mmCIF file of all heavy atoms, coordinates in Angstrom:
data_MODEL
# 
_entry.id   MODEL 
# 
loop_
_atom_site.group_PDB 
_atom_site.id 
_atom_site.type_symbol 
_atom_site.label_atom_id 
_atom_site.label_alt_id 
_atom_site.label_comp_id 
_atom_site.label_asym_id 
_atom_site.label_entity_id 
_atom_site.label_seq_id 
_atom_site.pdbx_PDB_ins_code 
_atom_site.Cartn_x 
_atom_site.Cartn_y 
_atom_site.Cartn_z 
_atom_site.occupancy 
_atom_site.B_iso_or_equiv 
_atom_site.pdbx_formal_charge 
_atom_site.auth_seq_id 
_atom_site.auth_comp_id 
_atom_site.auth_asym_id 
_atom_site.auth_atom_id 
_atom_site.pdbx_PDB_model_num 
ATOM 1   N N   . ARG A 1 1  ? 298.783 43.021 83.097  1.00 0.00 ? 1  ARG A N   1 
ATOM 2   C CA  . ARG A 1 1  ? 297.368 42.984 83.447  1.00 0.00 ? 1  ARG A CA  1 
ATOM 3   C C   . ARG A 1 1  ? 296.843 41.558 83.468  1.00 0.00 ? 1  ARG A C   1 
ATOM 4   O O   . ARG A 1 1  ? 295.903 41.238 84.183  1.00 0.00 ? 1  ARG A O   1 
ATOM 5   C CB  . ARG A 1 1  ? 296.557 43.808 82.441  1.00 0.00 ? 1  ARG A CB  1 
ATOM 6   C CG  . ARG A 1 1  ? 296.749 45.294 82.535  1.00 0.00 ? 1  ARG A CG  1 
ATOM 7   C CD  . ARG A 1 1  ? 295.639 46.013 81.806  1.00 0.00 ? 1  ARG A CD  1 
ATOM 8   N NE  . ARG A 1 1  ? 295.540 45.554 80.426  1.00 0.00 ? 1  ARG A NE  1 
ATOM 9   C CZ  . ARG A 1 1  ? 294.455 45.732 79.669  1.00 0.00 ? 1  ARG A CZ  1 
ATOM 10  N NH1 . ARG A 1 1  ? 293.392 46.314 80.163  1.00 0.00 ? 1  ARG A NH1 1 
ATOM 11  N NH2 . ARG A 1 1  ? 294.443 45.312 78.417  1.00 0.00 ? 1  ARG A NH2 1 
ATOM 12  N N   . ALA A 1 2  ? 297.458 40.680 82.679  1.00 0.00 ? 2  ALA A N   1 
ATOM 13  C CA  . ALA A 1 2  ? 297.017 39.293 82.630  1.00 0.00 ? 2  ALA A CA  1 
ATOM 14  C C   . ALA A 1 2  ? 297.207 38.602 83.975  1.00 0.00 ? 2  ALA A C   1 
ATOM 15  O O   . ALA A 1 2  ? 296.482 37.647 84.303  1.00 0.00 ? 2  ALA A O   1 
ATOM 16  C CB  . ALA A 1 2  ? 297.772 38.544 81.538  1.00 0.00 ? 2  ALA A CB  1 
ATOM 17  N N   . ALA A 1 3  ? 298.172 39.066 84.780  1.00 0.00 ? 3  ALA A N   1 
ATOM 18  C CA  . ALA A 1 3  ? 298.366 38.476 86.106  1.00 0.00 ? 3  ALA A CA  1 
ATOM 19  C C   . ALA A 1 3  ? 297.128 38.696 86.971  1.00 0.00 ? 3  ALA A C   1 
ATOM 20  O O   . ALA A 1 3  ? 296.692 37.798 87.698  1.00 0.00 ? 3  ALA A O   1 
ATOM 21  C CB  . ALA A 1 3  ? 299.605 39.080 86.766  1.00 0.00 ? 3  ALA A CB  1 
ATOM 22  N N   . GLN A 1 4  ? 296.560 39.891 86.908  1.00 0.00 ? 4  GLN A N   1 
ATOM 23  C CA  . GLN A 1 4  ? 295.327 40.163 87.648  1.00 0.00 ? 4  GLN A CA  1 
ATOM 24  C C   . GLN A 1 4  ? 294.174 39.326 87.094  1.00 0.00 ? 4  GLN A C   1 
ATOM 25  O O   . GLN A 1 4  ? 293.295 38.880 87.841  1.00 0.00 ? 4  GLN A O   1 
ATOM 26  C CB  . GLN A 1 4  ? 294.982 41.657 87.550  1.00 0.00 ? 4  GLN A CB  1 
ATOM 27  C CG  . GLN A 1 4  ? 296.087 42.576 88.066  1.00 0.00 ? 4  GLN A CG  1 
ATOM 28  C CD  . GLN A 1 4  ? 296.442 42.277 89.514  1.00 0.00 ? 4  GLN A CD  1 
ATOM 29  O OE1 . GLN A 1 4  ? 295.574 42.058 90.347  1.00 0.00 ? 4  GLN A OE1 1 
ATOM 30  N NE2 . GLN A 1 4  ? 297.735 42.270 89.815  1.00 0.00 ? 4  GLN A NE2 1 
ATOM 31  N N   . LEU A 1 5  ? 294.173 39.104 85.789  1.00 0.00 ? 5  LEU A N   1 
ATOM 32  C CA  . LEU A 1 5  ? 293.151 38.267 85.169  1.00 0.00 ? 5  LEU A CA  1 
ATOM 33  C C   . LEU A 1 5  ? 293.203 36.854 85.724  1.00 0.00 ? 5  LEU A C   1 
ATOM 34  O O   . LEU A 1 5  ? 292.177 36.258 86.074  1.00 0.00 ? 5  LEU A O   1 
ATOM 35  C CB  . LEU A 1 5  ? 293.353 38.262 83.654  1.00 0.00 ? 5  LEU A CB  1 
ATOM 36  C CG  . LEU A 1 5  ? 292.591 37.202 82.845  1.00 0.00 ? 5  LEU A CG  1 
ATOM 37  C CD1 . LEU A 1 5  ? 291.095 37.431 82.959  1.00 0.00 ? 5  LEU A CD1 1 
ATOM 38  C CD2 . LEU A 1 5  ? 293.029 37.213 81.402  1.00 0.00 ? 5  LEU A CD2 1 
ATOM 39  N N   . VAL A 1 6  ? 294.402 36.289 85.810  1.00 0.00 ? 6  VAL A N   1 
ATOM 40  C CA  . VAL A 1 6  ? 294.552 34.923 86.321  1.00 0.00 ? 6  VAL A CA  1 
ATOM 41  C C   . VAL A 1 6  ? 294.081 34.840 87.768  1.00 0.00 ? 6  VAL A C   1 
ATOM 42  O O   . VAL A 1 6  ? 293.387 33.887 88.154  1.00 0.00 ? 6  VAL A O   1 
ATOM 43  C CB  . VAL A 1 6  ? 296.028 34.476 86.202  1.00 0.00 ? 6  VAL A CB  1 
ATOM 44  C CG1 . VAL A 1 6  ? 296.241 33.140 86.908  1.00 0.00 ? 6  VAL A CG1 1 
ATOM 45  C CG2 . VAL A 1 6  ? 296.431 34.367 84.742  1.00 0.00 ? 6  VAL A CG2 1 
ATOM 46  N N   . LYS A 1 7  ? 294.430 35.844 88.576  1.00 0.00 ? 7  LYS A N   1 
ATOM 47  C CA  . LYS A 1 7  ? 293.975 35.855 89.970  1.00 0.00 ? 7  LYS A CA  1 
ATOM 48  C C   . LYS A 1 7  ? 292.451 35.889 90.052  1.00 0.00 ? 7  LYS A C   1 
ATOM 49  O O   . LYS A 1 7  ? 291.836 35.208 90.880  1.00 0.00 ? 7  LYS A O   1 
ATOM 50  C CB  . LYS A 1 7  ? 294.559 37.070 90.701  1.00 0.00 ? 7  LYS A CB  1 
ATOM 51  C CG  . LYS A 1 7  ? 296.067 37.006 90.908  1.00 0.00 ? 7  LYS A CG  1 
ATOM 52  C CD  . LYS A 1 7  ? 296.576 38.269 91.579  1.00 0.00 ? 7  LYS A CD  1 
ATOM 53  C CE  . LYS A 1 7  ? 298.091 38.251 91.718  1.00 0.00 ? 7  LYS A CE  1 
ATOM 54  N NZ  . LYS A 1 7  ? 298.603 39.517 92.330  1.00 0.00 ? 7  LYS A NZ  1 
ATOM 55  N N   . GLY A 1 8  ? 291.826 36.699 89.184  1.00 0.00 ? 8  GLY A N   1 
ATOM 56  C CA  . GLY A 1 8  ? 290.366 36.779 89.185  1.00 0.00 ? 8  GLY A CA  1 
ATOM 57  C C   . GLY A 1 8  ? 289.714 35.460 88.803  1.00 0.00 ? 8  GLY A C   1 
ATOM 58  O O   . GLY A 1 8  ? 288.726 35.035 89.421  1.00 0.00 ? 8  GLY A O   1 
ATOM 59  N N   . ILE A 1 9  ? 290.268 34.780 87.791  1.00 0.00 ? 9  ILE A N   1 
ATOM 60  C CA  . ILE A 1 9  ? 289.718 33.493 87.367  1.00 0.00 ? 9  ILE A CA  1 
ATOM 61  C C   . ILE A 1 9  ? 289.854 32.456 88.477  1.00 0.00 ? 9  ILE A C   1 
ATOM 62  O O   . ILE A 1 9  ? 288.918 31.686 88.754  1.00 0.00 ? 9  ILE A O   1 
ATOM 63  C CB  . ILE A 1 9  ? 290.428 33.010 86.083  1.00 0.00 ? 9  ILE A CB  1 
ATOM 64  C CG1 . ILE A 1 9  ? 290.069 33.926 84.913  1.00 0.00 ? 9  ILE A CG1 1 
ATOM 65  C CG2 . ILE A 1 9  ? 290.044 31.570 85.751  1.00 0.00 ? 9  ILE A CG2 1 
ATOM 66  C CD1 . ILE A 1 9  ? 290.825 33.606 83.635  1.00 0.00 ? 9  ILE A CD1 1 
ATOM 67  N N   . LEU A 1 10 ? 291.014 32.437 89.144  1.00 0.00 ? 10 LEU A N   1 
ATOM 68  C CA  . LEU A 1 10 ? 291.215 31.496 90.247  1.00 0.00 ? 10 LEU A CA  1 
ATOM 69  C C   . LEU A 1 10 ? 290.236 31.764 91.382  1.00 0.00 ? 10 LEU A C   1 
ATOM 70  O O   . LEU A 1 10 ? 289.706 30.825 91.999  1.00 0.00 ? 10 LEU A O   1 
ATOM 71  C CB  . LEU A 1 10 ? 292.658 31.593 90.758  1.00 0.00 ? 10 LEU A CB  1 
ATOM 72  C CG  . LEU A 1 10 ? 293.745 31.073 89.814  1.00 0.00 ? 10 LEU A CG  1 
ATOM 73  C CD1 . LEU A 1 10 ? 295.129 31.323 90.400  1.00 0.00 ? 10 LEU A CD1 1 
ATOM 74  C CD2 . LEU A 1 10 ? 293.559 29.580 89.546  1.00 0.00 ? 10 LEU A CD2 1 
ATOM 75  N N   . ALA A 1 11 ? 289.962 33.055 91.661  1.00 0.00 ? 11 ALA A N   1 
ATOM 76  C CA  . ALA A 1 11 ? 288.999 33.397 92.713  1.00 0.00 ? 11 ALA A CA  1 
ATOM 77  C C   . ALA A 1 11 ? 287.602 32.891 92.365  1.00 0.00 ? 11 ALA A C   1 
ATOM 78  O O   . ALA A 1 11 ? 286.888 32.345 93.218  1.00 0.00 ? 11 ALA A O   1 
ATOM 79  C CB  . ALA A 1 11 ? 288.984 34.911 92.935  1.00 0.00 ? 11 ALA A CB  1 
ATOM 80  N N   . VAL A 1 12 ? 287.191 33.057 91.108  1.00 0.00 ? 12 VAL A N   1 
ATOM 81  C CA  . VAL A 1 12 ? 285.877 32.576 90.671  1.00 0.00 ? 12 VAL A CA  1 
ATOM 82  C C   . VAL A 1 12 ? 285.787 31.056 90.789  1.00 0.00 ? 12 VAL A C   1 
ATOM 83  O O   . VAL A 1 12 ? 284.775 30.498 91.241  1.00 0.00 ? 12 VAL A O   1 
ATOM 84  C CB  . VAL A 1 12 ? 285.594 33.029 89.220  1.00 0.00 ? 12 VAL A CB  1 
ATOM 85  C CG1 . VAL A 1 12 ? 284.332 32.353 88.687  1.00 0.00 ? 12 VAL A CG1 1 
ATOM 86  C CG2 . VAL A 1 12 ? 285.435 34.541 89.164  1.00 0.00 ? 12 VAL A CG2 1 
ATOM 87  N N   . ILE A 1 13 ? 286.863 30.358 90.410  1.00 0.00 ? 13 ILE A N   1 
ATOM 88  C CA  . ILE A 1 13 ? 286.874 28.885 90.503  1.00 0.00 ? 13 ILE A CA  1 
ATOM 89  C C   . ILE A 1 13 ? 286.768 28.427 91.944  1.00 0.00 ? 13 ILE A C   1 
ATOM 90  O O   . ILE A 1 13 ? 286.029 27.481 92.268  1.00 0.00 ? 13 ILE A O   1 
ATOM 91  C CB  . ILE A 1 13 ? 288.150 28.331 89.837  1.00 0.00 ? 13 ILE A CB  1 
ATOM 92  C CG1 . ILE A 1 13 ? 288.104 28.569 88.328  1.00 0.00 ? 13 ILE A CG1 1 
ATOM 93  C CG2 . ILE A 1 13 ? 288.306 26.843 90.122  1.00 0.00 ? 13 ILE A CG2 1 
ATOM 94  C CD1 . ILE A 1 13 ? 289.388 28.202 87.609  1.00 0.00 ? 13 ILE A CD1 1 
ATOM 95  N N   . VAL A 1 14 ? 287.491 29.103 92.848  1.00 0.00 ? 14 VAL A N   1 
ATOM 96  C CA  . VAL A 1 14 ? 287.436 28.738 94.271  1.00 0.00 ? 14 VAL A CA  1 
ATOM 97  C C   . VAL A 1 14 ? 286.032 28.958 94.827  1.00 0.00 ? 14 VAL A C   1 
ATOM 98  O O   . VAL A 1 14 ? 285.480 28.102 95.540  1.00 0.00 ? 14 VAL A O   1 
ATOM 99  C CB  . VAL A 1 14 ? 288.479 29.549 95.071  1.00 0.00 ? 14 VAL A CB  1 
ATOM 100 C CG1 . VAL A 1 14 ? 288.260 29.375 96.570  1.00 0.00 ? 14 VAL A CG1 1 
ATOM 101 C CG2 . VAL A 1 14 ? 289.887 29.118 94.681  1.00 0.00 ? 14 VAL A CG2 1 
ATOM 102 N N   . ILE A 1 15 ? 285.437 30.111 94.502  1.00 0.00 ? 15 ILE A N   1 
ATOM 103 C CA  . ILE A 1 15 ? 284.066 30.393 94.986  1.00 0.00 ? 15 ILE A CA  1 
ATOM 104 C C   . ILE A 1 15 ? 283.086 29.357 94.446  1.00 0.00 ? 15 ILE A C   1 
ATOM 105 O O   . ILE A 1 15 ? 282.210 28.867 95.165  1.00 0.00 ? 15 ILE A O   1 
ATOM 106 C CB  . ILE A 1 15 ? 283.649 31.814 94.568  1.00 0.00 ? 15 ILE A CB  1 
ATOM 107 C CG1 . ILE A 1 15 ? 284.509 32.858 95.291  1.00 0.00 ? 15 ILE A CG1 1 
ATOM 108 C CG2 . ILE A 1 15 ? 282.171 32.058 94.872  1.00 0.00 ? 15 ILE A CG2 1 
ATOM 109 C CD1 . ILE A 1 15 ? 284.306 34.271 94.808  1.00 0.00 ? 15 ILE A CD1 1 
ATOM 110 N N   . TYR A 1 16 ? 283.244 29.006 93.171  1.00 0.00 ? 16 TYR A N   1 
ATOM 111 C CA  . TYR A 1 16 ? 282.360 28.005 92.557  1.00 0.00 ? 16 TYR A CA  1 
ATOM 112 C C   . TYR A 1 16 ? 282.504 26.649 93.243  1.00 0.00 ? 16 TYR A C   1 
ATOM 113 O O   . TYR A 1 16 ? 281.507 25.958 93.523  1.00 0.00 ? 16 TYR A O   1 
ATOM 114 C CB  . TYR A 1 16 ? 282.677 27.885 91.068  1.00 0.00 ? 16 TYR A CB  1 
ATOM 115 C CG  . TYR A 1 16 ? 281.940 26.784 90.359  1.00 0.00 ? 16 TYR A CG  1 
ATOM 116 C CD1 . TYR A 1 16 ? 280.555 26.838 90.212  1.00 0.00 ? 16 TYR A CD1 1 
ATOM 117 C CD2 . TYR A 1 16 ? 282.614 25.677 89.849  1.00 0.00 ? 16 TYR A CD2 1 
ATOM 118 C CE1 . TYR A 1 16 ? 279.866 25.824 89.561  1.00 0.00 ? 16 TYR A CE1 1 
ATOM 119 C CE2 . TYR A 1 16 ? 281.939 24.665 89.196  1.00 0.00 ? 16 TYR A CE2 1 
ATOM 120 C CZ  . TYR A 1 16 ? 280.566 24.743 89.058  1.00 0.00 ? 16 TYR A CZ  1 
ATOM 121 O OH  . TYR A 1 16 ? 279.887 23.741 88.430  1.00 0.00 ? 16 TYR A OH  1 
ATOM 122 N N   . ALA A 1 17 ? 283.754 26.244 93.541  1.00 0.00 ? 17 ALA A N   1 
ATOM 123 C CA  . ALA A 1 17 ? 283.979 24.955 94.197  1.00 0.00 ? 17 ALA A CA  1 
ATOM 124 C C   . ALA A 1 17 ? 283.376 24.932 95.599  1.00 0.00 ? 17 ALA A C   1 
ATOM 125 O O   . ALA A 1 17 ? 282.744 23.938 96.009  1.00 0.00 ? 17 ALA A O   1 
ATOM 126 C CB  . ALA A 1 17 ? 285.485 24.665 94.264  1.00 0.00 ? 17 ALA A CB  1 
ATOM 127 N N   . ILE A 1 18 ? 283.541 26.028 96.330  1.00 0.00 ? 18 ILE A N   1 
ATOM 128 C CA  . ILE A 1 18 ? 282.968 26.096 97.687  1.00 0.00 ? 18 ILE A CA  1 
ATOM 129 C C   . ILE A 1 18 ? 281.451 26.066 97.628  1.00 0.00 ? 18 ILE A C   1 
ATOM 130 O O   . ILE A 1 18 ? 280.790 25.361 98.404  1.00 0.00 ? 18 ILE A O   1 
ATOM 131 C CB  . ILE A 1 18 ? 283.465 27.368 98.412  1.00 0.00 ? 18 ILE A CB  1 
ATOM 132 C CG1 . ILE A 1 18 ? 284.972 27.287 98.650  1.00 0.00 ? 18 ILE A CG1 1 
ATOM 133 C CG2 . ILE A 1 18 ? 282.721 27.558 99.731  1.00 0.00 ? 18 ILE A CG2 1 
ATOM 134 C CD1 . ILE A 1 18 ? 285.579 28.555 99.207  1.00 0.00 ? 18 ILE A CD1 1 
ATOM 135 N N   . ALA A 1 19 ? 280.882 26.828 96.692  1.00 0.00 ? 19 ALA A N   1 
ATOM 136 C CA  . ALA A 1 19 ? 279.422 26.861 96.554  1.00 0.00 ? 19 ALA A CA  1 
ATOM 137 C C   . ALA A 1 19 ? 278.861 25.485 96.199  1.00 0.00 ? 19 ALA A C   1 
ATOM 138 O O   . ALA A 1 19 ? 277.791 25.078 96.676  1.00 0.00 ? 19 ALA A O   1 
ATOM 139 C CB  . ALA A 1 19 ? 279.029 27.889 95.500  1.00 0.00 ? 19 ALA A CB  1 
ATOM 140 N N   . GLU A 1 20 ? 279.578 24.736 95.371  1.00 0.00 ? 20 GLU A N   1 
ATOM 141 C CA  . GLU A 1 20 ? 279.144 23.387 95.008  1.00 0.00 ? 20 GLU A CA  1 
ATOM 142 C C   . GLU A 1 20 ? 279.189 22.461 96.212  1.00 0.00 ? 20 GLU A C   1 
ATOM 143 O O   . GLU A 1 20 ? 278.290 21.631 96.398  1.00 0.00 ? 20 GLU A O   1 
ATOM 144 C CB  . GLU A 1 20 ? 280.030 22.840 93.884  1.00 0.00 ? 20 GLU A CB  1 
ATOM 145 C CG  . GLU A 1 20 ? 279.702 23.402 92.511  1.00 0.00 ? 20 GLU A CG  1 
ATOM 146 C CD  . GLU A 1 20 ? 278.420 22.803 91.954  1.00 0.00 ? 20 GLU A CD  1 
ATOM 147 O OE1 . GLU A 1 20 ? 278.301 21.566 91.896  1.00 0.00 ? 20 GLU A OE1 1 
ATOM 148 O OE2 . GLU A 1 20 ? 277.520 23.581 91.602  1.00 0.00 ? 20 GLU A OE2 1 
ATOM 149 N N   . GLN A 1 21 ? 280.210 22.606 97.045  1.00 0.00 ? 21 GLN A N   1 
ATOM 150 C CA  . GLN A 1 21 ? 280.362 21.720 98.192  1.00 0.00 ? 21 GLN A CA  1 
ATOM 151 C C   . GLN A 1 21 ? 279.291 21.941 99.250  1.00 0.00 ? 21 GLN A C   1 
ATOM 152 O O   . GLN A 1 21 ? 278.815 20.986 99.867  1.00 0.00 ? 21 GLN A O   1 
ATOM 153 C CB  . GLN A 1 21 ? 281.759 21.924 98.819  1.00 0.00 ? 21 GLN A CB  1 
ATOM 154 C CG  . GLN A 1 21 ? 282.895 21.371 97.992  1.00 0.00 ? 21 GLN A CG  1 
ATOM 155 C CD  . GLN A 1 21 ? 282.834 19.849 97.866  1.00 0.00 ? 21 GLN A CD  1 
ATOM 156 O OE1 . GLN A 1 21 ? 282.515 19.150 98.820  1.00 0.00 ? 21 GLN A OE1 1 
ATOM 157 N NE2 . GLN A 1 21 ? 283.144 19.356 96.674  1.00 0.00 ? 21 GLN A NE2 1 
ATOM 158 N N   . ILE A 1 22 ? 278.907 23.191 99.474  1.00 0.00 ? 22 ILE A N   1 
ATOM 159 C CA  . ILE A 1 22 ? 277.906 23.471 100.528 1.00 0.00 ? 22 ILE A CA  1 
ATOM 160 C C   . ILE A 1 22 ? 276.514 23.727 99.939  1.00 0.00 ? 22 ILE A C   1 
ATOM 161 O O   . ILE A 1 22 ? 275.623 24.226 100.623 1.00 0.00 ? 22 ILE A O   1 
ATOM 162 C CB  . ILE A 1 22 ? 278.350 24.665 101.400 1.00 0.00 ? 22 ILE A CB  1 
ATOM 163 C CG1 . ILE A 1 22 ? 278.511 25.939 100.561 1.00 0.00 ? 22 ILE A CG1 1 
ATOM 164 C CG2 . ILE A 1 22 ? 279.660 24.342 102.110 1.00 0.00 ? 22 ILE A CG2 1 
ATOM 165 C CD1 . ILE A 1 22 ? 278.917 27.160 101.370 1.00 0.00 ? 22 ILE A CD1 1 
ATOM 166 N N   . HIS A 1 23 ? 276.358 23.395 98.620  1.00 0.00 ? 23 HIS A N   1 
ATOM 167 C CA  . HIS A 1 23 ? 275.052 23.402 97.962  1.00 0.00 ? 23 HIS A CA  1 
ATOM 168 C C   . HIS A 1 23 ? 274.394 24.792 97.933  1.00 0.00 ? 23 HIS A C   1 
ATOM 169 O O   . HIS A 1 23 ? 273.204 24.929 98.219  1.00 0.00 ? 23 HIS A O   1 
ATOM 170 C CB  . HIS A 1 23 ? 274.099 22.402 98.632  1.00 0.00 ? 23 HIS A CB  1 
ATOM 171 C CG  . HIS A 1 23 ? 274.670 21.013 98.692  1.00 0.00 ? 23 HIS A CG  1 
ATOM 172 N ND1 . HIS A 1 23 ? 274.883 20.241 97.573  1.00 0.00 ? 23 HIS A ND1 1 
ATOM 173 C CD2 . HIS A 1 23 ? 275.098 20.277 99.758  1.00 0.00 ? 23 HIS A CD2 1 
ATOM 174 C CE1 . HIS A 1 23 ? 275.403 19.074 97.934  1.00 0.00 ? 23 HIS A CE1 1 
ATOM 175 N NE2 . HIS A 1 23 ? 275.554 19.068 99.264  1.00 0.00 ? 23 HIS A NE2 1 
ATOM 176 N N   . LEU A 1 24 ? 275.184 25.807 97.593  1.00 0.00 ? 24 LEU A N   1 
ATOM 177 C CA  . LEU A 1 24 ? 274.632 27.139 97.358  1.00 0.00 ? 24 LEU A CA  1 
ATOM 178 C C   . LEU A 1 24 ? 274.282 27.225 95.874  1.00 0.00 ? 24 LEU A C   1 
ATOM 179 O O   . LEU A 1 24 ? 275.088 27.631 95.039  1.00 0.00 ? 24 LEU A O   1 
ATOM 180 C CB  . LEU A 1 24 ? 275.640 28.222 97.753  1.00 0.00 ? 24 LEU A CB  1 
ATOM 181 C CG  . LEU A 1 24 ? 276.076 28.241 99.224  1.00 0.00 ? 24 LEU A CG  1 
ATOM 182 C CD1 . LEU A 1 24 ? 277.132 29.308 99.460  1.00 0.00 ? 24 LEU A CD1 1 
ATOM 183 C CD2 . LEU A 1 24 ? 274.874 28.479 100.141 1.00 0.00 ? 24 LEU A CD2 1 
# 
């Protein structure tokens, strides 16, 4: 189950980085 956890955390980090770049 931890594998799915890691994927979820990486998805949140990617969304956060994109949102920071385009000022959302």
